[in-house]
Amino acid sequence: MASFRCRYCGRFFRPDPRKRGGSPQKTCGREACRRKHQRRKNVEWRKRHPGYGKSRRVKTRAWAKAYPDYWKRYRVEHPEYARRDNRRRVAAKKSAQRSAKQTVISKKLVERLLAVQEIGPERSAKQTVMARRVEALVEALVWKERAAKQSVIALGPPVVG
């Protein structure tokens, strides 16, 4: 049986012999490659069906208006589902908060690194210019480490030492 190169990781693989007909196997079967392939296929599908999401929302909202107490009643009748869903919501909210904080940290770090870049490479052979750039880089990295552990709002100027 012939071997093929995975589109995503570049490794060679032998296709699963159970897959017959249709399109040939595109990935080596590793989890990461399968996920990348599925994500790509989903993007392509959404491009071919641009109005699908909107039409589904319209139908879902119409159904929800016709059955206004459905979810309230469902949660009462299925308490385990309600507990799982509540835990999922709390985790999603915490994740969103962490993500927002990381976005702020990343923006600030980029600002600090751009300030280092402005010091100028034209005279980088001089030790004073190099020392200032290295010191600024260290300050930026220390600030990032501190910011990851504290509230971004509570942070002051970075302290090196």
Protein backbone atom coordinates (compact mmCIF):
# COMPACT_ATOMS: atom_id res chain seq x y z
CA MET A 1 0.00 0.00 0.00
CA ALA A 2 1.33 3.46 -0.92
CA SER A 3 2.18 6.02 1.73
CA PHE A 4 1.19 9.67 1.60
CA ARG A 5 2.45 12.87 3.21
CA CYS A 6 0.21 14.50 5.83
CA ARG A 7 -0.98 17.95 4.72
CA TYR A 8 -0.47 19.38 8.20
CA CYS A 9 2.63 17.88 9.85
CA GLY A 10 4.41 16.57 6.75
CA ARG A 11 4.88 13.05 8.11
CA PHE A 12 4.39 10.05 5.87
CA PHE A 13 1.48 7.75 6.68
CA ARG A 14 -0.36 4.80 5.24
CA PRO A 15 -4.07 5.49 4.71
CA ASP A 16 -6.58 3.54 6.74
CA PRO A 17 -7.56 0.56 4.54
CA ARG A 18 -11.16 0.76 5.82
CA LYS A 19 -11.63 4.15 4.12
CA ARG A 20 -12.92 3.40 0.66
CA GLY A 21 -14.35 5.57 -2.08
CA GLY A 22 -14.88 9.29 -1.83
CA SER A 23 -11.88 11.48 -1.21
CA PRO A 24 -8.61 9.95 -0.02
CA GLN A 25 -7.38 10.37 3.55
CA LYS A 26 -5.69 13.77 3.97
CA THR A 27 -4.08 13.53 7.42
CA CYS A 28 -1.83 11.11 9.26
CA GLY A 29 -4.51 10.57 11.89
CA ARG A 30 -2.80 12.38 14.77
CA GLU A 31 -5.23 14.39 16.91
CA ALA A 32 -3.63 17.77 16.07
CA CYS A 33 -3.70 17.09 12.33
CA ARG A 34 -7.31 15.88 12.40
CA ARG A 35 -8.34 19.02 14.30
CA LYS A 36 -6.57 21.31 11.83
CA HIS A 37 -8.21 19.49 8.93
CA GLN A 38 -11.66 19.68 10.52
CA ARG A 39 -11.21 23.39 11.28
CA ARG A 40 -10.24 24.02 7.64
CA LYS A 41 -13.22 22.05 6.35
CA ASN A 42 -15.56 24.00 8.66
CA VAL A 43 -14.21 27.32 7.40
CA GLU A 44 -14.67 26.20 3.79
CA TRP A 45 -18.22 25.02 4.51
CA ARG A 46 -19.13 28.35 6.12
CA LYS A 47 -17.77 30.20 3.08
CA ARG A 48 -19.98 28.09 0.79
CA HIS A 49 -23.05 28.60 3.05
CA PRO A 50 -22.80 32.21 4.28
CA GLY A 51 -26.47 32.62 5.26
CA TYR A 52 -26.78 29.39 7.25
CA GLY A 53 -26.07 30.85 10.70
CA LYS A 54 -28.51 33.71 10.26
CA SER A 55 -31.32 31.48 8.99
CA ARG A 56 -30.76 29.04 11.91
CA ARG A 57 -30.95 31.92 14.42
CA VAL A 58 -34.22 33.13 12.90
CA LYS A 59 -35.74 29.64 13.12
CA THR A 60 -34.43 29.05 16.64
CA ARG A 61 -35.83 32.37 17.90
CA ALA A 62 -39.21 31.65 16.32
CA TRP A 63 -39.27 28.25 18.04
CA ALA A 64 -38.22 29.81 21.38
CA LYS A 65 -41.11 32.29 21.15
CA ALA A 66 -43.53 29.43 20.51
CA TYR A 67 -42.20 27.52 23.59
CA PRO A 68 -41.13 30.25 26.06
CA ASP A 69 -40.84 28.03 29.20
CA TYR A 70 -39.08 25.10 27.58
CA TRP A 71 -35.56 25.66 28.96
CA LYS A 72 -36.79 26.71 32.39
CA ARG A 73 -38.83 23.53 32.64
CA TYR A 74 -36.01 21.41 31.19
CA ARG A 75 -33.54 22.68 33.80
CA VAL A 76 -36.00 21.88 36.61
CA GLU A 77 -36.65 18.38 35.25
CA HIS A 78 -32.91 17.70 34.62
CA PRO A 79 -30.97 19.04 37.64
CA GLU A 80 -27.72 17.28 36.65
CA TYR A 81 -27.79 19.11 33.30
CA ALA A 82 -28.39 22.40 35.14
CA ARG A 83 -25.39 21.78 37.47
CA ARG A 84 -23.13 20.87 34.55
CA ASP A 85 -24.28 23.89 32.58
CA ASN A 86 -23.74 26.21 35.54
CA ARG A 87 -20.19 24.90 36.01
CA ARG A 88 -19.57 25.33 32.29
CA ARG A 89 -20.83 28.92 32.40
CA VAL A 90 -18.65 29.80 35.40
CA ALA A 91 -15.58 28.28 33.70
CA ALA A 92 -16.34 30.15 30.46
CA LYS A 93 -16.66 33.44 32.33
CA LYS A 94 -13.35 32.90 34.16
CA SER A 95 -11.67 31.94 30.90
CA ALA A 96 -12.97 35.09 29.22
CA GLN A 97 -11.65 37.22 32.09
CA ARG A 98 -8.21 35.57 31.88
CA SER A 99 -8.23 36.01 28.13
CA ALA A 100 -9.09 39.71 28.42
CA LYS A 101 -6.25 40.18 30.92
CA GLN A 102 -3.79 38.37 28.65
CA THR A 103 -4.83 40.65 25.78
CA VAL A 104 -4.01 43.72 27.87
CA ILE A 105 -0.69 42.20 28.96
CA SER A 106 0.21 41.39 25.35
CA LYS A 107 -0.61 44.93 24.19
CA LYS A 108 1.49 46.47 26.95
CA LEU A 109 4.39 44.13 26.22
CA VAL A 110 4.28 45.06 22.54
CA GLU A 111 4.32 48.76 23.50
CA ARG A 112 7.38 48.20 25.69
CA LEU A 113 9.18 46.20 23.01
CA LEU A 114 8.46 48.90 20.42
CA ALA A 115 9.99 51.41 22.83
CA VAL A 116 13.11 49.21 22.93
CA GLN A 117 13.15 49.17 19.14
CA GLU A 118 13.08 52.99 19.08
CA ILE A 119 16.37 53.14 20.98
CA GLY A 120 17.86 52.56 17.56
CA PRO A 121 20.11 49.93 16.06
CA GLU A 122 22.23 52.40 14.10
CA ARG A 123 24.85 52.69 16.87
CA SER A 124 24.44 49.26 18.40
CA ALA A 125 28.21 48.73 18.40
CA LYS A 126 28.43 51.18 21.29
CA GLN A 127 28.08 49.44 24.63
CA THR A 128 25.85 52.11 26.17
CA VAL A 129 23.20 51.74 23.47
CA MET A 130 23.37 47.94 23.68
CA ALA A 131 23.17 48.05 27.47
CA ARG A 132 20.10 50.31 27.33
CA ARG A 133 18.38 47.97 24.87
CA VAL A 134 19.15 44.88 26.94
CA GLU A 135 18.02 46.64 30.11
CA ALA A 136 14.76 47.69 28.44
CA LEU A 137 14.16 44.14 27.20
CA VAL A 138 14.74 42.73 30.66
CA GLU A 139 12.37 45.33 32.14
CA ALA A 140 9.69 44.38 29.59
CA LEU A 141 10.03 40.68 30.34
CA VAL A 142 10.01 41.22 34.11
CA TRP A 143 6.91 43.39 33.72
CA LYS A 144 5.20 40.63 31.72
CA GLU A 145 5.99 38.07 34.42
CA ARG A 146 4.66 40.36 37.15
CA ALA A 147 1.56 41.20 35.12
CA ALA A 148 0.71 37.53 34.69
CA LYS A 149 0.62 37.17 38.48
CA GLN A 150 -1.15 40.41 39.44
CA SER A 151 -3.96 42.60 38.31
CA VAL A 152 -2.88 44.72 35.36
CA ILE A 153 -4.49 47.79 36.90
CA ALA A 154 -2.49 47.45 40.14
CA LEU A 155 0.86 47.38 38.32
CA GLY A 156 3.18 50.31 38.45
CA PRO A 157 6.44 50.80 36.58
CA PRO A 158 8.61 47.68 36.37
CA VAL A 159 11.31 47.20 38.96
CA VAL A 160 14.45 45.37 37.90
CA GLY A 161 16.70 43.90 40.52
